[in-house]
Amino acid sequence: QHLQRYNSTYHLIILCNCEREHSY
């Protein structure tokens, strides 16, 4: 949240296990 204010053109992919979709 802090760093994204300084860059609006980043490319980030977050891959997660669909069975743990309720984790943080």
PDB file of all heavy atoms in Angstrom:
ATOM      1  N   GLN A   1       0.839  -1.205   0.000  1.00  0.00           N
ATOM      2  CA  GLN A   1       0.000   0.000   0.000  1.00  0.00           C
ATOM      3  C   GLN A   1       0.876   1.258   0.000  1.00  0.00           C
ATOM      4  O   GLN A   1       0.559   2.238  -0.674  1.00  0.00           O
ATOM      5  CB  GLN A   1      -0.944   0.011   1.209  1.00  0.00           C
ATOM      6  CG  GLN A   1      -1.939  -1.129   1.238  1.00  0.00           C
ATOM      7  CD  GLN A   1      -2.908  -1.117   0.067  1.00  0.00           C
ATOM      8  OE1 GLN A   1      -3.103  -0.116  -0.595  1.00  0.00           O
ATOM      9  NE2 GLN A   1      -3.511  -2.261  -0.189  1.00  0.00           N
ATOM     10  N   HIS A   2       1.962   1.229   0.733  1.00  0.00           N
ATOM     11  CA  HIS A   2       2.865   2.375   0.810  1.00  0.00           C
ATOM     12  C   HIS A   2       3.595   2.595  -0.519  1.00  0.00           C
ATOM     13  O   HIS A   2       3.656   3.725  -1.025  1.00  0.00           O
ATOM     14  CB  HIS A   2       3.865   2.177   1.949  1.00  0.00           C
ATOM     15  CG  HIS A   2       4.902   3.240   2.033  1.00  0.00           C
ATOM     16  ND1 HIS A   2       4.634   4.515   2.466  1.00  0.00           N
ATOM     17  CD2 HIS A   2       6.218   3.210   1.711  1.00  0.00           C
ATOM     18  CE1 HIS A   2       5.742   5.231   2.404  1.00  0.00           C
ATOM     19  NE2 HIS A   2       6.715   4.466   1.955  1.00  0.00           N
ATOM     20  N   LEU A   3       4.154   1.531  -1.088  1.00  0.00           N
ATOM     21  CA  LEU A   3       4.988   1.673  -2.284  1.00  0.00           C
ATOM     22  C   LEU A   3       4.196   1.908  -3.570  1.00  0.00           C
ATOM     23  O   LEU A   3       4.708   2.564  -4.488  1.00  0.00           O
ATOM     24  CB  LEU A   3       5.876   0.438  -2.457  1.00  0.00           C
ATOM     25  CG  LEU A   3       6.974   0.242  -1.432  1.00  0.00           C
ATOM     26  CD1 LEU A   3       7.689  -1.081  -1.674  1.00  0.00           C
ATOM     27  CD2 LEU A   3       7.956   1.401  -1.453  1.00  0.00           C
ATOM     28  N   GLN A   4       2.996   1.389  -3.646  1.00  0.00           N
ATOM     29  CA  GLN A   4       2.255   1.516  -4.907  1.00  0.00           C
ATOM     30  C   GLN A   4       1.888   2.968  -5.212  1.00  0.00           C
ATOM     31  O   GLN A   4       1.587   3.316  -6.346  1.00  0.00           O
ATOM     32  CB  GLN A   4       1.029   0.628  -4.923  1.00  0.00           C
ATOM     33  CG  GLN A   4      -0.141   1.165  -4.152  1.00  0.00           C
ATOM     34  CD  GLN A   4      -1.433   0.474  -4.540  1.00  0.00           C
ATOM     35  OE1 GLN A   4      -1.437  -0.455  -5.334  1.00  0.00           O
ATOM     36  NE2 GLN A   4      -2.519   0.926  -3.983  1.00  0.00           N
ATOM     37  N   ARG A   5       1.937   3.830  -4.220  1.00  0.00           N
ATOM     38  CA  ARG A   5       1.662   5.255  -4.442  1.00  0.00           C
ATOM     39  C   ARG A   5       2.715   5.886  -5.350  1.00  0.00           C
ATOM     40  O   ARG A   5       2.459   6.880  -6.006  1.00  0.00           O
ATOM     41  CB  ARG A   5       1.649   6.009  -3.119  1.00  0.00           C
ATOM     42  CG  ARG A   5       0.490   5.642  -2.249  1.00  0.00           C
ATOM     43  CD  ARG A   5       0.482   6.509  -1.011  1.00  0.00           C
ATOM     44  NE  ARG A   5       0.240   5.628   0.124  1.00  0.00           N
ATOM     45  CZ  ARG A   5       0.723   5.797   1.321  1.00  0.00           C
ATOM     46  NH1 ARG A   5       1.503   6.805   1.587  1.00  0.00           N
ATOM     47  NH2 ARG A   5       0.436   4.960   2.289  1.00  0.00           N
ATOM     48  N   TYR A   6       3.911   5.301  -5.370  1.00  0.00           N
ATOM     49  CA  TYR A   6       5.015   5.874  -6.120  1.00  0.00           C
ATOM     50  C   TYR A   6       5.144   5.317  -7.532  1.00  0.00           C
ATOM     51  O   TYR A   6       5.962   5.800  -8.307  1.00  0.00           O
ATOM     52  CB  TYR A   6       6.333   5.649  -5.376  1.00  0.00           C
ATOM     53  CG  TYR A   6       6.308   6.227  -3.990  1.00  0.00           C
ATOM     54  CD1 TYR A   6       6.213   5.393  -2.877  1.00  0.00           C
ATOM     55  CD2 TYR A   6       6.347   7.598  -3.794  1.00  0.00           C
ATOM     56  CE1 TYR A   6       6.181   5.923  -1.599  1.00  0.00           C
ATOM     57  CE2 TYR A   6       6.310   8.139  -2.508  1.00  0.00           C
ATOM     58  CZ  TYR A   6       6.219   7.291  -1.421  1.00  0.00           C
ATOM     59  OH  TYR A   6       6.173   7.815  -0.165  1.00  0.00           O
ATOM     60  N   ASN A   7       4.379   4.303  -7.851  1.00  0.00           N
ATOM     61  CA  ASN A   7       4.525   3.667  -9.154  1.00  0.00           C
ATOM     62  C   ASN A   7       3.180   3.091  -9.588  1.00  0.00           C
ATOM     63  O   ASN A   7       2.668   2.176  -8.964  1.00  0.00           O
ATOM     64  CB  ASN A   7       5.578   2.554  -9.076  1.00  0.00           C
ATOM     65  CG  ASN A   7       5.863   1.923 -10.419  1.00  0.00           C
ATOM     66  OD1 ASN A   7       5.347   2.350 -11.444  1.00  0.00           O
ATOM     67  ND2 ASN A   7       6.686   0.904 -10.414  1.00  0.00           N
ATOM     68  N   SER A   8       2.653   3.598 -10.664  1.00  0.00           N
ATOM     69  CA  SER A   8       1.371   3.087 -11.156  1.00  0.00           C
ATOM     70  C   SER A   8       1.542   2.160 -12.352  1.00  0.00           C
ATOM     71  O   SER A   8       0.562   1.689 -12.916  1.00  0.00           O
ATOM     72  CB  SER A   8       0.458   4.252 -11.540  1.00  0.00           C
ATOM     73  OG  SER A   8       1.054   5.001 -12.583  1.00  0.00           O
ATOM     74  N   THR A   9       2.789   1.872 -12.727  1.00  0.00           N
ATOM     75  CA  THR A   9       3.025   1.048 -13.917  1.00  0.00           C
ATOM     76  C   THR A   9       3.693  -0.285 -13.590  1.00  0.00           C
ATOM     77  O   THR A   9       4.316  -0.878 -14.446  1.00  0.00           O
ATOM     78  CB  THR A   9       3.902   1.811 -14.932  1.00  0.00           C
ATOM     79  OG1 THR A   9       5.155   2.103 -14.308  1.00  0.00           O
ATOM     80  CG2 THR A   9       3.235   3.082 -15.402  1.00  0.00           C
ATOM     81  N   TYR A  10       3.577  -0.746 -12.360  1.00  0.00           N
ATOM     82  CA  TYR A  10       4.194  -2.017 -11.997  1.00  0.00           C
ATOM     83  C   TYR A  10       3.431  -3.189 -12.612  1.00  0.00           C
ATOM     84  O   TYR A  10       2.273  -3.060 -13.006  1.00  0.00           O
ATOM     85  CB  TYR A  10       4.257  -2.169 -10.471  1.00  0.00           C
ATOM     86  CG  TYR A  10       2.906  -2.158  -9.807  1.00  0.00           C
ATOM     87  CD1 TYR A  10       2.201  -3.343  -9.620  1.00  0.00           C
ATOM     88  CD2 TYR A  10       2.319  -0.972  -9.368  1.00  0.00           C
ATOM     89  CE1 TYR A  10       0.949  -3.349  -9.033  1.00  0.00           C
ATOM     90  CE2 TYR A  10       1.079  -0.967  -8.776  1.00  0.00           C
ATOM     91  CZ  TYR A  10       0.396  -2.150  -8.610  1.00  0.00           C
ATOM     92  OH  TYR A  10      -0.847  -2.155  -8.034  1.00  0.00           O
ATOM     93  N   HIS A  11       4.107  -4.334 -12.702  1.00  0.00           N
ATOM     94  CA  HIS A  11       3.506  -5.568 -13.191  1.00  0.00           C
ATOM     95  C   HIS A  11       3.719  -6.639 -12.137  1.00  0.00           C
ATOM     96  O   HIS A  11       4.823  -7.162 -12.001  1.00  0.00           O
ATOM     97  CB  HIS A  11       4.151  -6.008 -14.510  1.00  0.00           C
ATOM     98  CG  HIS A  11       3.859  -5.088 -15.641  1.00  0.00           C
ATOM     99  ND1 HIS A  11       4.685  -4.041 -15.990  1.00  0.00           N
ATOM    100  CD2 HIS A  11       2.807  -5.031 -16.486  1.00  0.00           C
ATOM    101  CE1 HIS A  11       4.170  -3.405 -17.004  1.00  0.00           C
ATOM    102  NE2 HIS A  11       3.021  -3.978 -17.330  1.00  0.00           N
ATOM    103  N   LEU A  12       2.681  -6.955 -11.387  1.00  0.00           N
ATOM    104  CA  LEU A  12       2.768  -7.931 -10.304  1.00  0.00           C
ATOM    105  C   LEU A  12       1.669  -8.961 -10.453  1.00  0.00           C
ATOM    106  O   LEU A  12       0.495  -8.619 -10.576  1.00  0.00           O
ATOM    107  CB  LEU A  12       2.642  -7.227  -8.944  1.00  0.00           C
ATOM    108  CG  LEU A  12       2.607  -8.130  -7.706  1.00  0.00           C
ATOM    109  CD1 LEU A  12       3.914  -8.908  -7.561  1.00  0.00           C
ATOM    110  CD2 LEU A  12       2.338  -7.298  -6.462  1.00  0.00           C
ATOM    111  N   ILE A  13       2.079 -10.220 -10.425  1.00  0.00           N
ATOM    112  CA  ILE A  13       1.131 -11.335 -10.461  1.00  0.00           C
ATOM    113  C   ILE A  13       1.291 -12.096  -9.159  1.00  0.00           C
ATOM    114  O   ILE A  13       2.410 -12.428  -8.760  1.00  0.00           O
ATOM    115  CB  ILE A  13       1.409 -12.268 -11.661  1.00  0.00           C
ATOM    116  CG1 ILE A  13       1.226 -11.498 -12.967  1.00  0.00           C
ATOM    117  CG2 ILE A  13       0.518 -13.500 -11.606  1.00  0.00           C
ATOM    118  CD1 ILE A  13       1.678 -12.250 -14.192  1.00  0.00           C
ATOM    119  N   ILE A  14       0.184 -12.374  -8.503  1.00  0.00           N
ATOM    120  CA  ILE A  14       0.205 -13.143  -7.262  1.00  0.00           C
ATOM    121  C   ILE A  14      -0.586 -14.415  -7.511  1.00  0.00           C
ATOM    122  O   ILE A  14      -1.790 -14.362  -7.770  1.00  0.00           O
ATOM    123  CB  ILE A  14      -0.415 -12.340  -6.093  1.00  0.00           C
ATOM    124  CG1 ILE A  14       0.354 -11.034  -5.886  1.00  0.00           C
ATOM    125  CG2 ILE A  14      -0.414 -13.179  -4.823  1.00  0.00           C
ATOM    126  CD1 ILE A  14      -0.278 -10.107  -4.867  1.00  0.00           C
ATOM    127  N   LEU A  15       0.100 -15.553  -7.463  1.00  0.00           N
ATOM    128  CA  LEU A  15      -0.550 -16.844  -7.683  1.00  0.00           C
ATOM    129  C   LEU A  15      -0.784 -17.534  -6.354  1.00  0.00           C
ATOM    130  O   LEU A  15       0.118 -17.633  -5.524  1.00  0.00           O
ATOM    131  CB  LEU A  15       0.307 -17.737  -8.580  1.00  0.00           C
ATOM    132  CG  LEU A  15       0.515 -17.220  -9.998  1.00  0.00           C
ATOM    133  CD1 LEU A  15       1.491 -18.103 -10.755  1.00  0.00           C
ATOM    134  CD2 LEU A  15      -0.793 -17.148 -10.740  1.00  0.00           C
ATOM    135  N   CYS A  16      -2.002 -18.015  -6.164  1.00  0.00           N
ATOM    136  CA  CYS A  16      -2.376 -18.677  -4.916  1.00  0.00           C
ATOM    137  C   CYS A  16      -3.133 -19.950  -5.220  1.00  0.00           C
ATOM    138  O   CYS A  16      -3.716 -20.103  -6.291  1.00  0.00           O
ATOM    139  CB  CYS A  16      -3.263 -17.757  -4.077  1.00  0.00           C
ATOM    140  SG  CYS A  16      -2.484 -16.207  -3.614  1.00  0.00           S
ATOM    141  N   ASN A  17      -3.154 -20.818  -4.241  1.00  0.00           N
ATOM    142  CA  ASN A  17      -3.922 -22.056  -4.326  1.00  0.00           C
ATOM    143  C   ASN A  17      -5.393 -21.712  -4.123  1.00  0.00           C
ATOM    144  O   ASN A  17      -5.762 -21.084  -3.134  1.00  0.00           O
ATOM    145  CB  ASN A  17      -3.429 -23.022  -3.241  1.00  0.00           C
ATOM    146  CG  ASN A  17      -4.111 -24.363  -3.303  1.00  0.00           C
ATOM    147  OD1 ASN A  17      -5.189 -24.518  -3.851  1.00  0.00           O
ATOM    148  ND2 ASN A  17      -3.464 -25.350  -2.721  1.00  0.00           N
ATOM    149  N   CYS A  18      -6.253 -22.136  -5.041  1.00  0.00           N
ATOM    150  CA  CYS A  18      -7.671 -21.787  -4.939  1.00  0.00           C
ATOM    151  C   CYS A  18      -8.319 -22.403  -3.699  1.00  0.00           C
ATOM    152  O   CYS A  18      -9.347 -21.914  -3.228  1.00  0.00           O
ATOM    153  CB  CYS A  18      -8.421 -22.194  -6.203  1.00  0.00           C
ATOM    154  SG  CYS A  18      -8.472 -23.962  -6.515  1.00  0.00           S
ATOM    155  N   GLU A  19      -7.725 -23.434  -3.137  1.00  0.00           N
ATOM    156  CA  GLU A  19      -8.275 -24.045  -1.924  1.00  0.00           C
ATOM    157  C   GLU A  19      -7.965 -23.215  -0.685  1.00  0.00           C
ATOM    158  O   GLU A  19      -8.525 -23.457   0.372  1.00  0.00           O
ATOM    159  CB  GLU A  19      -7.731 -25.463  -1.760  1.00  0.00           C
ATOM    160  CG  GLU A  19      -8.216 -26.396  -2.854  1.00  0.00           C
ATOM    161  CD  GLU A  19      -7.592 -27.773  -2.770  1.00  0.00           C
ATOM    162  OE1 GLU A  19      -6.829 -28.049  -1.810  1.00  0.00           O
ATOM    163  OE2 GLU A  19      -7.864 -28.581  -3.670  1.00  0.00           O
ATOM    164  N   ARG A  20      -7.069 -22.225  -0.816  1.00  0.00           N
ATOM    165  CA  ARG A  20      -6.714 -21.362   0.318  1.00  0.00           C
ATOM    166  C   ARG A  20      -7.058 -19.908   0.013  1.00  0.00           C
ATOM    167  O   ARG A  20      -6.401 -18.986   0.465  1.00  0.00           O
ATOM    168  CB  ARG A  20      -5.222 -21.504   0.626  1.00  0.00           C
ATOM    169  CG  ARG A  20      -4.851 -22.892   1.120  1.00  0.00           C
ATOM    170  CD  ARG A  20      -3.362 -23.032   1.388  1.00  0.00           C
ATOM    171  NE  ARG A  20      -2.755 -21.881   2.030  1.00  0.00           N
ATOM    172  CZ  ARG A  20      -2.610 -21.732   3.353  1.00  0.00           C
ATOM    173  NH1 ARG A  20      -3.039 -22.670   4.157  1.00  0.00           N
ATOM    174  NH2 ARG A  20      -2.025 -20.666   3.850  1.00  0.00           N
ATOM    175  N   GLU A  21      -8.141 -19.710  -0.734  1.00  0.00           N
ATOM    176  CA  GLU A  21      -8.496 -18.364  -1.165  1.00  0.00           C
ATOM    177  C   GLU A  21      -8.948 -17.454  -0.024  1.00  0.00           C
ATOM    178  O   GLU A  21      -9.067 -16.243  -0.208  1.00  0.00           O
ATOM    179  CB  GLU A  21      -9.576 -18.411  -2.242  1.00  0.00           C
ATOM    180  CG  GLU A  21     -10.914 -18.932  -1.769  1.00  0.00           C
ATOM    181  CD  GLU A  21     -11.934 -18.979  -2.887  1.00  0.00           C
ATOM    182  OE1 GLU A  21     -11.876 -18.136  -3.795  1.00  0.00           O
ATOM    183  OE2 GLU A  21     -12.776 -19.875  -2.845  1.00  0.00           O
ATOM    184  N   HIS A  22      -9.185 -18.007   1.153  1.00  0.00           N
ATOM    185  CA  HIS A  22      -9.612 -17.191   2.283  1.00  0.00           C
ATOM    186  C   HIS A  22      -8.457 -16.827   3.214  1.00  0.00           C
ATOM    187  O   HIS A  22      -8.681 -16.221   4.252  1.00  0.00           O
ATOM    188  CB  HIS A  22     -10.725 -17.890   3.064  1.00  0.00           C
ATOM    189  CG  HIS A  22     -11.938 -18.123   2.224  1.00  0.00           C
ATOM    190  ND1 HIS A  22     -12.694 -17.095   1.702  1.00  0.00           N
ATOM    191  CD2 HIS A  22     -12.518 -19.260   1.770  1.00  0.00           C
ATOM    192  CE1 HIS A  22     -13.682 -17.584   0.985  1.00  0.00           C
ATOM    193  NE2 HIS A  22     -13.595 -18.896   1.009  1.00  0.00           N
ATOM    194  N   SER A  23      -7.229 -17.170   2.823  1.00  0.00           N
ATOM    195  CA  SER A  23      -6.090 -16.741   3.625  1.00  0.00           C
ATOM    196  C   SER A  23      -5.856 -15.248   3.367  1.00  0.00           C
ATOM    197  O   SER A  23      -6.508 -14.633   2.529  1.00  0.00           O
ATOM    198  CB  SER A  23      -4.857 -17.589   3.320  1.00  0.00           C
ATOM    199  OG  SER A  23      -4.499 -17.466   1.977  1.00  0.00           O
ATOM    200  N   TYR A  24      -4.928 -14.658   4.078  1.00  0.00           N
ATOM    201  CA  TYR A  24      -4.796 -13.203   4.121  1.00  0.00           C
ATOM    202  C   TYR A  24      -4.540 -12.555   2.749  1.00  0.00           C
ATOM    203  O   TYR A  24      -5.292 -11.673   2.326  1.00  0.00           O
ATOM    204  CB  TYR A  24      -3.691 -12.811   5.109  1.00  0.00           C
ATOM    205  CG  TYR A  24      -3.708 -11.340   5.431  1.00  0.00           C
ATOM    206  CD1 TYR A  24      -4.494 -10.860   6.469  1.00  0.00           C
ATOM    207  CD2 TYR A  24      -2.963 -10.441   4.696  1.00  0.00           C
ATOM    208  CE1 TYR A  24      -4.528  -9.505   6.767  1.00  0.00           C
ATOM    209  CE2 TYR A  24      -2.989  -9.087   4.990  1.00  0.00           C
ATOM    210  CZ  TYR A  24      -3.771  -8.631   6.024  1.00  0.00           C
ATOM    211  OH  TYR A  24      -3.810  -7.292   6.301  1.00  0.00           O
TER     212      TYR A  24
END
